[in-house]
C-alpha atoms as a PDB file:
ATOM      1  CA  MET A   1       8.465  -5.010  14.559  1.00  0.00           C
ATOM      2  CA  MET A   2       8.323  -1.577  12.554  1.00  0.00           C
ATOM      3  CA  ASP A   3       5.098  -1.056  10.258  1.00  0.00           C
ATOM      4  CA  HIS A   4       6.421   0.032   7.310  1.00  0.00           C
ATOM      5  CA  ASP A   5       3.037  -0.146   5.580  1.00  0.00           C
ATOM      6  CA  ALA A   6       1.731   2.361   8.320  1.00  0.00           C
ATOM      7  CA  ILE A   7       4.613   4.632   7.709  1.00  0.00           C
ATOM      8  CA  ALA A   8       3.857   4.582   3.988  1.00  0.00           C
ATOM      9  CA  ALA A   9       0.278   5.524   4.166  1.00  0.00           C
ATOM     10  CA  GLU A  10       0.979   7.950   6.548  1.00  0.00           C
ATOM     11  CA  VAL A  11       3.322   9.911   4.188  1.00  0.00           C
ATOM     12  CA  LEU A  12       0.753   9.817   1.368  1.00  0.00           C
ATOM     13  CA  GLU A  13      -2.297  10.844   3.621  1.00  0.00           C
ATOM     14  CA  ALA A  14      -0.344  13.518   4.876  1.00  0.00           C
ATOM     15  CA  LEU A  15       0.971  14.686   1.437  1.00  0.00           C
ATOM     16  CA  ALA A  16      -2.984  14.510   0.005  1.00  0.00           C
ATOM     17  CA  ALA A  17      -3.883  16.496   2.998  1.00  0.00           C
ATOM     18  CA  ARG A  18      -1.211  19.002   2.301  1.00  0.00           C
ATOM     19  CA  ARG A  19      -0.036  18.671   6.146  1.00  0.00           C
ATOM     20  CA  GLN A  20       3.380  17.897   7.322  1.00  0.00           C
ATOM     21  CA  ILE A  21       4.280  15.612  10.036  1.00  0.00           C
ATOM     22  CA  ALA A  22       7.216  14.976  12.431  1.00  0.00           C
ATOM     23  CA  PRO A  23      10.142  13.369  11.221  1.00  0.00           C
ATOM     24  CA  PHE A  24      10.046   9.357  11.599  1.00  0.00           C
ATOM     25  CA  SER A  25      13.695   9.634  12.655  1.00  0.00           C
ATOM     26  CA  GLU A  26      12.584  11.535  15.615  1.00  0.00           C
ATOM     27  CA  ARG A  27       9.976   9.413  16.609  1.00  0.00           C
ATOM     28  CA  LEU A  28      10.554   5.824  15.775  1.00  0.00           C
ATOM     29  CA  PRO A  29      13.734   4.339  17.759  1.00  0.00           C
ATOM     30  CA  GLY A  30      15.785   2.387  15.089  1.00  0.00           C
ATOM     31  CA  PHE A  31      14.572   4.012  11.858  1.00  0.00           C
ATOM     32  CA  ALA A  32      17.205   3.416   9.600  1.00  0.00           C
ATOM     33  CA  MET A  33      17.637   3.344   5.825  1.00  0.00           C
ATOM     34  CA  ALA A  34      17.162  -0.259   5.462  1.00  0.00           C
ATOM     35  CA  ASP A  35      13.484   0.565   6.809  1.00  0.00           C
ATOM     36  CA  ALA A  36      13.167   3.630   4.509  1.00  0.00           C
ATOM     37  CA  TYR A  37      13.691   1.481   1.468  1.00  0.00           C
ATOM     38  CA  VAL A  38      10.962  -1.181   2.587  1.00  0.00           C
ATOM     39  CA  VAL A  39       8.842   1.832   3.041  1.00  0.00           C
ATOM     40  CA  THR A  40       9.484   2.785  -0.857  1.00  0.00           C
ATOM     41  CA  ALA A  41       8.289  -0.683  -1.466  1.00  0.00           C
ATOM     42  CA  ALA A  42       5.185  -0.054   0.359  1.00  0.00           C
ATOM     43  CA  LEU A  43       4.772   3.130  -1.145  1.00  0.00           C
ATOM     44  CA  ARG A  44       4.803   1.646  -4.415  1.00  0.00           C
ATOM     45  CA  ARG A  45       2.485  -1.034  -3.905  1.00  0.00           C
ATOM     46  CA  ILE A  46      -0.177   1.451  -2.641  1.00  0.00           C
ATOM     47  CA  ARG A  47       0.434   3.801  -5.434  1.00  0.00           C
ATOM     48  CA  ASP A  48      -0.033   0.861  -7.874  1.00  0.00           C
ATOM     49  CA  ALA A  49      -3.176  -0.233  -6.498  1.00  0.00           C
ATOM     50  CA  ARG A  50      -4.574   3.035  -7.021  1.00  0.00           C
ATOM     51  CA  GLY A  51      -3.977   3.471 -10.480  1.00  0.00           C
ATOM     52  CA  GLU A  52      -0.778   5.192 -10.754  1.00  0.00           C
ATOM     53  CA  ARG A  53       1.769   3.996 -13.158  1.00  0.00           C
ATOM     54  CA  TRP A  54       5.647   3.830 -12.333  1.00  0.00           C
ATOM     55  CA  VAL A  55       7.767   5.125 -14.958  1.00  0.00           C
ATOM     56  CA  GLY A  56      11.180   5.396 -13.063  1.00  0.00           C
ATOM     57  CA  ARG A  57      13.368   6.766 -10.194  1.00  0.00           C
ATOM     58  CA  LYS A  58      14.868  10.135  -8.804  1.00  0.00           C
ATOM     59  CA  ILE A  59      18.187  10.289  -7.340  1.00  0.00           C
ATOM     60  CA  GLY A  60      18.813  12.651  -4.596  1.00  0.00           C
ATOM     61  CA  PHE A  61      21.342  14.419  -2.881  1.00  0.00           C
ATOM     62  CA  THR A  62      24.040  13.831  -5.707  1.00  0.00           C
ATOM     63  CA  ASN A  63      25.439  17.374  -4.981  1.00  0.00           C
ATOM     64  CA  SER A  64      27.622  16.969  -2.097  1.00  0.00           C
ATOM     65  CA  ASP A  65      27.909  20.758  -1.517  1.00  0.00           C
ATOM     66  CA  ILE A  66      24.452  20.690   0.084  1.00  0.00           C
ATOM     67  CA  TRP A  67      24.776  17.650   2.267  1.00  0.00           C
ATOM     68  CA  ALA A  68      25.622  19.792   5.485  1.00  0.00           C
ATOM     69  CA  GLU A  69      22.339  21.898   4.687  1.00  0.00           C
ATOM     70  CA  TYR A  70      20.032  18.767   4.794  1.00  0.00           C
ATOM     71  CA  ASN A  71      21.889  16.585   7.426  1.00  0.00           C
ATOM     72  CA  VAL A  72      22.319  14.211   4.184  1.00  0.00           C
ATOM     73  CA  HIS A  73      25.590  12.823   3.407  1.00  0.00           C
ATOM     74  CA  SER A  74      25.461  10.156   0.580  1.00  0.00           C
ATOM     75  CA  PRO A  75      22.772   9.792  -2.567  1.00  0.00           C
ATOM     76  CA  ILE A  76      19.233   8.370  -2.104  1.00  0.00           C
ATOM     77  CA  TRP A  77      16.668   7.222  -4.547  1.00  0.00           C
ATOM     78  CA  GLY A  78      12.850   7.131  -4.878  1.00  0.00           C
ATOM     79  CA  ASP A  79      10.330   6.266  -7.055  1.00  0.00           C
ATOM     80  CA  MET A  80       8.350   8.372  -9.984  1.00  0.00           C
ATOM     81  CA  PHE A  81       5.021   8.084 -11.421  1.00  0.00           C
ATOM     82  CA  ASP A  82       3.054   8.896 -14.295  1.00  0.00           C
ATOM     83  CA  THR A  83       1.025  11.370 -11.757  1.00  0.00           C
ATOM     84  CA  THR A  84       4.311  13.727 -11.243  1.00  0.00           C
ATOM     85  CA  VAL A  85       6.065  13.060 -14.217  1.00  0.00           C
ATOM     86  CA  SER A  86       5.610  14.860 -17.659  1.00  0.00           C
ATOM     87  CA  ASP A  87       6.960  16.867 -20.680  1.00  0.00           C
ATOM     88  CA  LEU A  88       7.800  20.430 -19.913  1.00  0.00           C
ATOM     89  CA  ALA A  89       5.264  22.457 -22.640  1.00  0.00           C
ATOM     90  CA  PRO A  90       6.653  25.742 -23.691  1.00  0.00           C
ATOM     91  CA  GLY A  91       5.617  28.235 -21.682  1.00  0.00           C
ATOM     92  CA  GLU A  92       4.278  26.011 -19.086  1.00  0.00           C
ATOM     93  CA  VAL A  93       2.670  27.500 -15.865  1.00  0.00           C
ATOM     94  CA  PHE A  94       2.544  24.949 -13.151  1.00  0.00           C
ATOM     95  CA  GLY A  95       0.564  25.255 -10.123  1.00  0.00           C
ATOM     96  CA  LEU A  96       2.551  24.801  -6.399  1.00  0.00           C
ATOM     97  CA  THR A  97      -0.619  24.291  -4.459  1.00  0.00           C
ATOM     98  CA  ALA A  98      -0.381  20.789  -3.947  1.00  0.00           C
ATOM     99  CA  LEU A  99       3.439  20.810  -3.206  1.00  0.00           C
ATOM    100  CA  LEU A 100       4.583  21.109   0.746  1.00  0.00           C
ATOM    101  CA  GLU A 101       7.578  23.799   0.784  1.00  0.00           C
ATOM    102  CA  PRO A 102       8.541  23.368  -2.697  1.00  0.00           C
ATOM    103  CA  ARG A 103      12.181  23.801  -4.383  1.00  0.00           C
ATOM    104  CA  ILE A 104      13.349  23.747  -7.799  1.00  0.00           C
ATOM    105  CA  GLU A 105      16.415  21.614  -8.838  1.00  0.00           C
ATOM    106  CA  PRO A 106      17.939  21.605 -12.305  1.00  0.00           C
ATOM    107  CA  GLU A 107      18.808  18.006 -13.564  1.00  0.00           C
ATOM    108  CA  ILE A 108      19.730  16.158 -16.156  1.00  0.00           C
ATOM    109  CA  VAL A 109      17.550  13.207 -17.155  1.00  0.00           C
ATOM    110  CA  PHE A 110      18.168   9.831 -18.710  1.00  0.00           C
ATOM    111  CA  GLY A 111      15.931   7.670 -20.579  1.00  0.00           C
ATOM    112  CA  LEU A 112      16.934   4.150 -20.467  1.00  0.00           C
ATOM    113  CA  SER A 113      17.142   1.651 -23.646  1.00  0.00           C
ATOM    114  CA  THR A 114      18.508  -1.140 -22.105  1.00  0.00           C
ATOM    115  CA  ALA A 115      18.650  -2.156 -18.468  1.00  0.00           C
ATOM    116  CA  PRO A 116      22.000  -1.822 -17.030  1.00  0.00           C
ATOM    117  CA  ASP A 117      24.092  -4.577 -15.045  1.00  0.00           C
ATOM    118  CA  PRO A 118      26.011  -3.935 -11.885  1.00  0.00           C
ATOM    119  CA  GLY A 119      29.777  -3.565 -12.573  1.00  0.00           C
ATOM    120  CA  MET A 120      29.382  -1.261 -15.551  1.00  0.00           C
ATOM    121  CA  ASP A 121      31.483   2.008 -15.537  1.00  0.00           C
ATOM    122  CA  GLU A 122      30.408   5.270 -16.789  1.00  0.00           C
ATOM    123  CA  ALA A 123      31.291   4.532 -20.202  1.00  0.00           C
ATOM    124  CA  ALA A 124      29.416   1.233 -20.585  1.00  0.00           C
ATOM    125  CA  LEU A 125      26.415   2.975 -19.085  1.00  0.00           C
ATOM    126  CA  LEU A 126      26.206   5.238 -22.057  1.00  0.00           C
ATOM    127  CA  GLY A 127      24.971   2.326 -23.944  1.00  0.00           C
ATOM    128  CA  CYS A 128      21.908   1.848 -21.787  1.00  0.00           C
ATOM    129  CA  ILE A 129      20.777   5.230 -22.324  1.00  0.00           C
ATOM    130  CA  GLY A 130      18.300   6.090 -25.289  1.00  0.00           C
ATOM    131  CA  TRP A 131      18.058  10.027 -24.657  1.00  0.00           C
ATOM    132  CA  VAL A 132      19.044  12.784 -22.779  1.00  0.00           C
ATOM    133  CA  ALA A 133      17.112  15.975 -21.473  1.00  0.00           C
ATOM    134  CA  HIS A 134      17.416  18.839 -19.029  1.00  0.00           C
ATOM    135  CA  GLY A 135      14.290  18.982 -16.680  1.00  0.00           C
ATOM    136  CA  PHE A 136      13.237  20.690 -13.550  1.00  0.00           C
ATOM    137  CA  GLU A 137      12.695  18.492 -10.712  1.00  0.00           C
ATOM    138  CA  ILE A 138      10.415  20.258  -7.775  1.00  0.00           C
ATOM    139  CA  VAL A 139      11.167  18.558  -4.483  1.00  0.00           C
ATOM    140  CA  GLN A 140       9.030  19.036  -1.648  1.00  0.00           C
ATOM    141  CA  SER A 141       8.930  18.234   2.255  1.00  0.00           C
ATOM    142  CA  VAL A 142       6.373  16.373   4.232  1.00  0.00           C
ATOM    143  CA  PHE A 143       8.567  17.051   6.874  1.00  0.00           C
ATOM    144  CA  PRO A 144       8.374  20.632   8.456  1.00  0.00           C
ATOM    145  CA  ASP A 145      11.368  23.103   7.628  1.00  0.00           C
ATOM    146  CA  TRP A 146      13.119  20.393   5.665  1.00  0.00           C
ATOM    147  CA  SER A 147      14.184  18.955   8.942  1.00  0.00           C
ATOM    148  CA  ILE A 148      15.157  15.495   7.898  1.00  0.00           C
ATOM    149  CA  ALA A 149      17.651  12.808   8.455  1.00  0.00           C
ATOM    150  CA  ALA A 150      18.234  10.503   5.308  1.00  0.00           C
ATOM    151  CA  PRO A 151      15.827   8.174   6.439  1.00  0.00           C
ATOM    152  CA  ASP A 152      13.429  10.429   6.666  1.00  0.00           C
ATOM    153  CA  ALA A 153      13.894  11.799   3.144  1.00  0.00           C
ATOM    154  CA  VAL A 154      13.876   8.225   1.530  1.00  0.00           C
ATOM    155  CA  ALA A 155      10.629   7.691   3.210  1.00  0.00           C
ATOM    156  CA  GLY A 156       9.136  10.936   1.902  1.00  0.00           C
ATOM    157  CA  LEU A 157       8.939   9.599  -1.377  1.00  0.00           C
ATOM    158  CA  GLY A 158      12.607  10.674  -2.114  1.00  0.00           C
ATOM    159  CA  MET A 159      11.125  14.148  -1.192  1.00  0.00           C
ATOM    160  CA  HIS A 160       9.933  14.342  -4.874  1.00  0.00           C
ATOM    161  CA  GLY A 161       7.185  16.546  -5.846  1.00  0.00           C
ATOM    162  CA  ALA A 162       7.191  16.449  -9.813  1.00  0.00           C
ATOM    163  CA  LEU A 163       9.534  16.260 -12.768  1.00  0.00           C
ATOM    164  CA  LYS A 164       9.272  18.321 -15.828  1.00  0.00           C
ATOM    165  CA  ILE A 165      11.232  16.905 -18.633  1.00  0.00           C
ATOM    166  CA  GLY A 166      12.696  19.210 -21.853  1.00  0.00           C
ATOM    167  CA  PRO A 167      13.344  18.455 -25.048  1.00  0.00           C
ATOM    168  CA  ARG A 168      14.732  14.905 -25.411  1.00  0.00           C
ATOM    169  CA  GLN A 169      18.385  14.771 -27.207  1.00  0.00           C
ATOM    170  CA  PRO A 170      18.889  11.087 -28.742  1.00  0.00           C
ATOM    171  CA  LEU A 171      22.287   9.818 -27.407  1.00  0.00           C
ATOM    172  CA  ALA A 172      23.199   9.140 -30.888  1.00  0.00           C
ATOM    173  CA  ASP A 173      23.498  13.036 -31.501  1.00  0.00           C
ATOM    174  CA  ALA A 174      26.611  13.178 -29.545  1.00  0.00           C
ATOM    175  CA  PRO A 175      28.304  16.514 -29.020  1.00  0.00           C
ATOM    176  CA  GLU A 176      31.865  17.296 -29.727  1.00  0.00           C
ATOM    177  CA  GLY A 177      34.142  15.280 -27.500  1.00  0.00           C
ATOM    178  CA  GLY A 178      31.224  12.885 -26.576  1.00  0.00           C
ATOM    179  CA  TRP A 179      28.973  12.749 -24.069  1.00  0.00           C
ATOM    180  CA  LEU A 180      31.371  11.363 -21.257  1.00  0.00           C
ATOM    181  CA  GLU A 181      33.477  14.414 -21.579  1.00  0.00           C
ATOM    182  CA  ALA A 182      30.277  16.920 -22.231  1.00  0.00           C
ATOM    183  CA  LEU A 183      28.260  15.487 -19.065  1.00  0.00           C
ATOM    184  CA  SER A 184      31.057  15.846 -16.773  1.00  0.00           C
ATOM    185  CA  GLY A 185      32.346  19.387 -18.173  1.00  0.00           C
ATOM    186  CA  PHE A 186      29.222  21.552 -18.842  1.00  0.00           C
ATOM    187  CA  SER A 187      27.771  24.548 -17.038  1.00  0.00           C
ATOM    188  CA  ILE A 188      24.363  25.594 -16.322  1.00  0.00           C
ATOM    189  CA  THR A 189      23.100  29.076 -15.065  1.00  0.00           C
ATOM    190  CA  ILE A 190      19.691  29.444 -13.236  1.00  0.00           C
ATOM    191  CA  THR A 191      17.576  32.611 -13.061  1.00  0.00           C
ATOM    192  CA  CYS A 192      14.613  33.915 -11.376  1.00  0.00           C
ATOM    193  CA  ASP A 193      12.668  36.612 -12.947  1.00  0.00           C
ATOM    194  CA  GLY A 194      15.723  37.200 -15.277  1.00  0.00           C
ATOM    195  CA  ILE A 195      18.177  37.563 -12.013  1.00  0.00           C
ATOM    196  CA  GLU A 196      20.953  34.938 -11.929  1.00  0.00           C
ATOM    197  CA  VAL A 197      20.441  33.183  -8.489  1.00  0.00           C
ATOM    198  CA  ASP A 198      23.234  30.242  -9.136  1.00  0.00           C
ATOM    199  CA  LYS A 199      25.748  28.551 -11.517  1.00  0.00           C
ATOM    200  CA  GLY A 200      26.451  24.922 -11.389  1.00  0.00           C
ATOM    201  CA  GLY A 201      27.447  22.084 -13.814  1.00  0.00           C
ATOM    202  CA  GLY A 202      27.536  18.596 -14.301  1.00  0.00           C
ATOM    203  CA  ALA A 203      30.699  18.202 -11.849  1.00  0.00           C
ATOM    204  CA  ASN A 204      28.422  19.030  -9.117  1.00  0.00           C
ATOM    205  CA  VAL A 205      26.894  15.420  -9.407  1.00  0.00           C
ATOM    206  CA  LEU A 206      29.376  13.257  -8.159  1.00  0.00           C
ATOM    207  CA  GLY A 207      31.700  14.137 -10.898  1.00  0.00           C
ATOM    208  CA  GLY A 208      28.999  14.031 -13.667  1.00  0.00           C
ATOM    209  CA  PRO A 209      25.329  12.815 -13.919  1.00  0.00           C
ATOM    210  CA  LEU A 210      26.368   9.203 -15.276  1.00  0.00           C
ATOM    211  CA  THR A 211      28.113   8.472 -11.754  1.00  0.00           C
ATOM    212  CA  PRO A 212      24.918   8.981  -9.786  1.00  0.00           C
ATOM    213  CA  LEU A 213      23.534   6.223 -12.352  1.00  0.00           C
ATOM    214  CA  ARG A 214      26.097   4.005 -11.737  1.00  0.00           C
ATOM    215  CA  HIS A 215      25.657   4.632  -7.765  1.00  0.00           C
ATOM    216  CA  LEU A 216      22.196   3.520  -8.101  1.00  0.00           C
ATOM    217  CA  VAL A 217      22.464   0.485 -10.206  1.00  0.00           C
ATOM    218  CA  GLU A 218      25.164  -0.692  -7.204  1.00  0.00           C
ATOM    219  CA  MET A 219      22.585   0.361  -4.616  1.00  0.00           C
ATOM    220  CA  LEU A 220      19.559  -1.523  -6.148  1.00  0.00           C
ATOM    221  CA  GLU A 221      21.962  -4.693  -6.315  1.00  0.00           C
ATOM    222  CA  ASP A 222      21.839  -5.156  -2.805  1.00  0.00           C
ATOM    223  CA  ASP A 223      18.310  -4.338  -2.001  1.00  0.00           C
ATOM    224  CA  SER A 224      15.891  -7.277  -1.898  1.00  0.00           C
ATOM    225  CA  HIS A 225      12.712  -5.076  -1.528  1.00  0.00           C
ATOM    226  CA  ASN A 226      13.042  -2.940  -4.723  1.00  0.00           C
ATOM    227  CA  PRO A 227      13.472  -3.673  -8.223  1.00  0.00           C
ATOM    228  CA  PRO A 228      16.831  -3.277 -10.486  1.00  0.00           C
ATOM    229  CA  LEU A 229      16.437  -0.318 -13.196  1.00  0.00           C
ATOM    230  CA  ALA A 230      14.869  -1.684 -16.367  1.00  0.00           C
ATOM    231  CA  ALA A 231      14.580  -0.588 -20.284  1.00  0.00           C
ATOM    232  CA  GLY A 232      11.955   2.395 -20.554  1.00  0.00           C
ATOM    233  CA  GLU A 233      12.754   3.955 -17.291  1.00  0.00           C
ATOM    234  CA  ILE A 234      13.282   7.547 -16.563  1.00  0.00           C
ATOM    235  CA  VAL A 235      16.040   8.397 -14.175  1.00  0.00           C
ATOM    236  CA  THR A 236      16.908  11.906 -12.878  1.00  0.00           C
ATOM    237  CA  THR A 237      20.131  12.508 -11.733  1.00  0.00           C
ATOM    238  CA  GLY A 238      20.064  15.206  -8.983  1.00  0.00           C
ATOM    239  CA  THR A 239      20.307  18.969  -8.629  1.00  0.00           C
ATOM    240  CA  LEU A 240      23.125  20.345 -10.806  1.00  0.00           C
ATOM    241  CA  THR A 241      23.021  23.888  -8.394  1.00  0.00           C
ATOM    242  CA  ARG A 242      21.432  24.561  -5.109  1.00  0.00           C
ATOM    243  CA  PRO A 243      17.912  23.926  -4.732  1.00  0.00           C
ATOM    244  CA  PHE A 244      15.824  26.998  -4.104  1.00  0.00           C
ATOM    245  CA  PRO A 245      12.393  27.740  -2.839  1.00  0.00           C
ATOM    246  CA  VAL A 246       9.695  28.765  -4.990  1.00  0.00           C
ATOM    247  CA  ALA A 247       6.807  30.776  -5.189  1.00  0.00           C
ATOM    248  CA  PRO A 248       3.706  31.526  -7.364  1.00  0.00           C
ATOM    249  CA  GLY A 249       4.128  34.218  -9.937  1.00  0.00           C
ATOM    250  CA  GLU A 250       7.735  33.294 -10.092  1.00  0.00           C
ATOM    251  CA  ARG A 251       9.528  32.825 -13.799  1.00  0.00           C
ATOM    252  CA  TRP A 252      12.755  30.399 -13.548  1.00  0.00           C
ATOM    253  CA  ALA A 253      15.050  29.678 -16.319  1.00  0.00           C
ATOM    254  CA  THR A 254      18.425  28.073 -17.293  1.00  0.00           C
ATOM    255  CA  ALA A 255      21.059  28.352 -19.900  1.00  0.00           C
ATOM    256  CA  ILE A 256      23.352  25.426 -20.781  1.00  0.00           C
ATOM    257  CA  ASP A 257      26.892  25.325 -22.085  1.00  0.00           C
ATOM    258  CA  GLY A 258      28.651  22.465 -23.275  1.00  0.00           C
ATOM    259  CA  LEU A 259      25.675  20.462 -23.957  1.00  0.00           C
ATOM    260  CA  PRO A 260      23.665  20.079 -27.082  1.00  0.00           C
ATOM    261  CA  ILE A 261      20.662  20.524 -25.205  1.00  0.00           C
ATOM    262  CA  ALA A 262      18.773  24.143 -24.658  1.00  0.00           C
ATOM    263  CA  GLY A 263      17.994  25.742 -21.506  1.00  0.00           C
ATOM    264  CA  ILE A 264      14.235  25.591 -20.385  1.00  0.00           C
ATOM    265  CA  GLU A 265      11.557  27.768 -18.489  1.00  0.00           C
ATOM    266  CA  ILE A 266       8.582  27.487 -16.204  1.00  0.00           C
ATOM    267  CA  VAL A 267       6.249  29.821 -14.141  1.00  0.00           C
ATOM    268  CA  PHE A 268       4.936  29.016 -11.299  1.00  0.00           C
ATOM    269  CA  ASP A 269       1.021  29.754 -10.033  1.00  0.00           C
END
């Protein structure tokens, strides 16, 4: 029998010590996605017991352009807690010291006002969303050189390090053409120290950020270890561009075209 609690404890101990560990898929025969999501539940129990407050989920690997690079071929999800999620302050300087091989991902973030039900399409899911925001997820890897298989990514906290959320736009303030069209059709440019490094858009995340949300609802429907999405949760929907390594002293910024949401900026320390 695989000891999922021990795997969860090893991940948390490694992150606390800022040391990396060998992927579980390389040293635990048969370690699969089903095991990884049992580890997710164990991680949540441990973190809850030590006083962290669970605030939502991150959806990862929704951008199929990067699947081959990371040896992951479908979306995954992980929990987020109040210790890693916060609003992005104007001119914020974010310290990277506690993170392992951090990378930046510009994402669309949803705040759920009601719990979505399985079977809802994207239009119905819109009715469950209270606000939309643009944020930076800072991902990290407890496994050296980001050498992972999909179950490792899940067990490694979904590769989540932090989420910094920009201004929240109420869903009632719809853009011209409506949110469905805008969320799939907008574009984004990301820069580092004023130099453009990539372009992307809503279509990069499974055709639009509502589709990863629908995918997550369906994944959780068949999960006996983890709860379904609930009202009040924050859900971040995957990187709109390629992820990029970040280092102290860098200033990263985005510009968005096609959404009533401004670009954001962060400086790393």
